[in-house]
C-alpha atoms as a PDB file:
ATOM      1  CA  MET A   1      41.604  23.893 -21.341  1.00  0.00           C
ATOM      2  CA  THR A   2      39.805  25.637 -18.512  1.00  0.00           C
ATOM      3  CA  VAL A   3      37.278  28.359 -19.237  1.00  0.00           C
ATOM      4  CA  HIS A   4      37.116  30.916 -16.433  1.00  0.00           C
ATOM      5  CA  HIS A   5      33.796  32.548 -15.575  1.00  0.00           C
ATOM      6  CA  LEU A   6      35.128  36.082 -15.975  1.00  0.00           C
ATOM      7  CA  THR A   7      36.004  35.477 -19.628  1.00  0.00           C
ATOM      8  CA  LEU A   8      32.948  33.495 -20.734  1.00  0.00           C
ATOM      9  CA  GLY A   9      31.367  36.535 -22.364  1.00  0.00           C
ATOM     10  CA  HIS A  10      34.229  36.596 -24.873  1.00  0.00           C
ATOM     11  CA  VAL A  11      34.134  32.877 -25.694  1.00  0.00           C
ATOM     12  CA  SER A  12      32.357  31.806 -28.867  1.00  0.00           C
ATOM     13  CA  ASP A  13      29.233  29.655 -28.765  1.00  0.00           C
ATOM     14  CA  ASP A  14      31.130  26.861 -30.524  1.00  0.00           C
ATOM     15  CA  ALA A  15      33.935  26.915 -27.955  1.00  0.00           C
ATOM     16  CA  LEU A  16      31.456  26.825 -25.051  1.00  0.00           C
ATOM     17  CA  MET A  17      29.584  23.874 -26.508  1.00  0.00           C
ATOM     18  CA  THR A  18      32.813  22.027 -27.308  1.00  0.00           C
ATOM     19  CA  ARG A  19      34.125  22.535 -23.772  1.00  0.00           C
ATOM     20  CA  MET A  20      30.790  21.435 -22.258  1.00  0.00           C
ATOM     21  CA  PHE A  21      30.873  18.300 -24.416  1.00  0.00           C
ATOM     22  CA  ASP A  22      34.448  17.576 -23.291  1.00  0.00           C
ATOM     23  CA  LEU A  23      33.514  17.994 -19.625  1.00  0.00           C
ATOM     24  CA  VAL A  24      30.535  15.651 -19.930  1.00  0.00           C
ATOM     25  CA  GLN A  25      32.565  13.083 -21.868  1.00  0.00           C
ATOM     26  CA  ASN A  26      35.112  13.095 -19.035  1.00  0.00           C
ATOM     27  CA  GLY A  27      32.521  12.746 -16.267  1.00  0.00           C
ATOM     28  CA  LYS A  28      32.888  16.323 -15.029  1.00  0.00           C
ATOM     29  CA  GLU A  29      29.324  17.497 -15.620  1.00  0.00           C
ATOM     30  CA  GLY A  30      28.952  18.434 -11.944  1.00  0.00           C
ATOM     31  CA  SER A  31      32.054  20.626 -11.810  1.00  0.00           C
ATOM     32  CA  ILE A  32      32.116  24.354 -11.135  1.00  0.00           C
ATOM     33  CA  GLU A  33      33.373  24.954 -14.670  1.00  0.00           C
ATOM     34  CA  SER A  34      30.478  23.036 -16.220  1.00  0.00           C
ATOM     35  CA  SER A  35      28.005  24.960 -14.046  1.00  0.00           C
ATOM     36  CA  GLN A  36      29.509  28.254 -15.192  1.00  0.00           C
ATOM     37  CA  ILE A  37      29.405  27.219 -18.831  1.00  0.00           C
ATOM     38  CA  ASP A  38      25.842  25.953 -18.430  1.00  0.00           C
ATOM     39  CA  ALA A  39      24.771  29.297 -16.960  1.00  0.00           C
ATOM     40  CA  GLU A  40      26.431  31.194 -19.819  1.00  0.00           C
ATOM     41  CA  ILE A  41      24.808  28.973 -22.461  1.00  0.00           C
ATOM     42  CA  TYR A  42      21.411  29.389 -20.790  1.00  0.00           C
ATOM     43  CA  ALA A  43      21.852  33.186 -20.598  1.00  0.00           C
ATOM     44  CA  ARG A  44      22.696  33.304 -24.294  1.00  0.00           C
ATOM     45  CA  LEU A  45      19.657  31.204 -25.165  1.00  0.00           C
ATOM     46  CA  LEU A  46      17.433  33.541 -23.146  1.00  0.00           C
ATOM     47  CA  GLU A  47      19.008  36.547 -24.814  1.00  0.00           C
ATOM     48  CA  THR A  48      18.425  35.050 -28.244  1.00  0.00           C
ATOM     49  CA  TYR A  49      15.027  33.418 -27.811  1.00  0.00           C
ATOM     50  CA  GLY A  50      13.566  35.104 -24.723  1.00  0.00           C
ATOM     51  CA  ALA A  51      11.822  33.654 -21.715  1.00  0.00           C
ATOM     52  CA  GLU A  52       9.358  30.795 -21.983  1.00  0.00           C
ATOM     53  CA  GLY A  53       6.009  32.023 -23.255  1.00  0.00           C
ATOM     54  CA  GLU A  54       7.439  35.314 -24.513  1.00  0.00           C
ATOM     55  CA  THR A  55       6.861  35.975 -28.190  1.00  0.00           C
ATOM     56  CA  THR A  56       9.171  37.762 -30.584  1.00  0.00           C
ATOM     57  CA  SER A  57       6.834  40.757 -30.668  1.00  0.00           C
ATOM     58  CA  ASP A  58       6.898  40.950 -26.839  1.00  0.00           C
ATOM     59  CA  ARG A  59      10.699  41.248 -26.873  1.00  0.00           C
ATOM     60  CA  HIS A  60      10.717  43.961 -29.520  1.00  0.00           C
ATOM     61  CA  ALA A  61       7.930  45.956 -27.879  1.00  0.00           C
ATOM     62  CA  ALA A  62       9.988  46.651 -24.752  1.00  0.00           C
END
């Protein structure tokens, strides 16, 4: 299974994490696909939890 960057926004969190795990297990953690998945996971974490040092009230005040 290859996850293409253009479709990552429609892939579930579970599927992203499963694919990342598979890539790492197979020694492909430096691949373009793993970098794309990593960036998508990081973007989702930022969207959910905000930037470092930002509080929940800071996010809702904007």
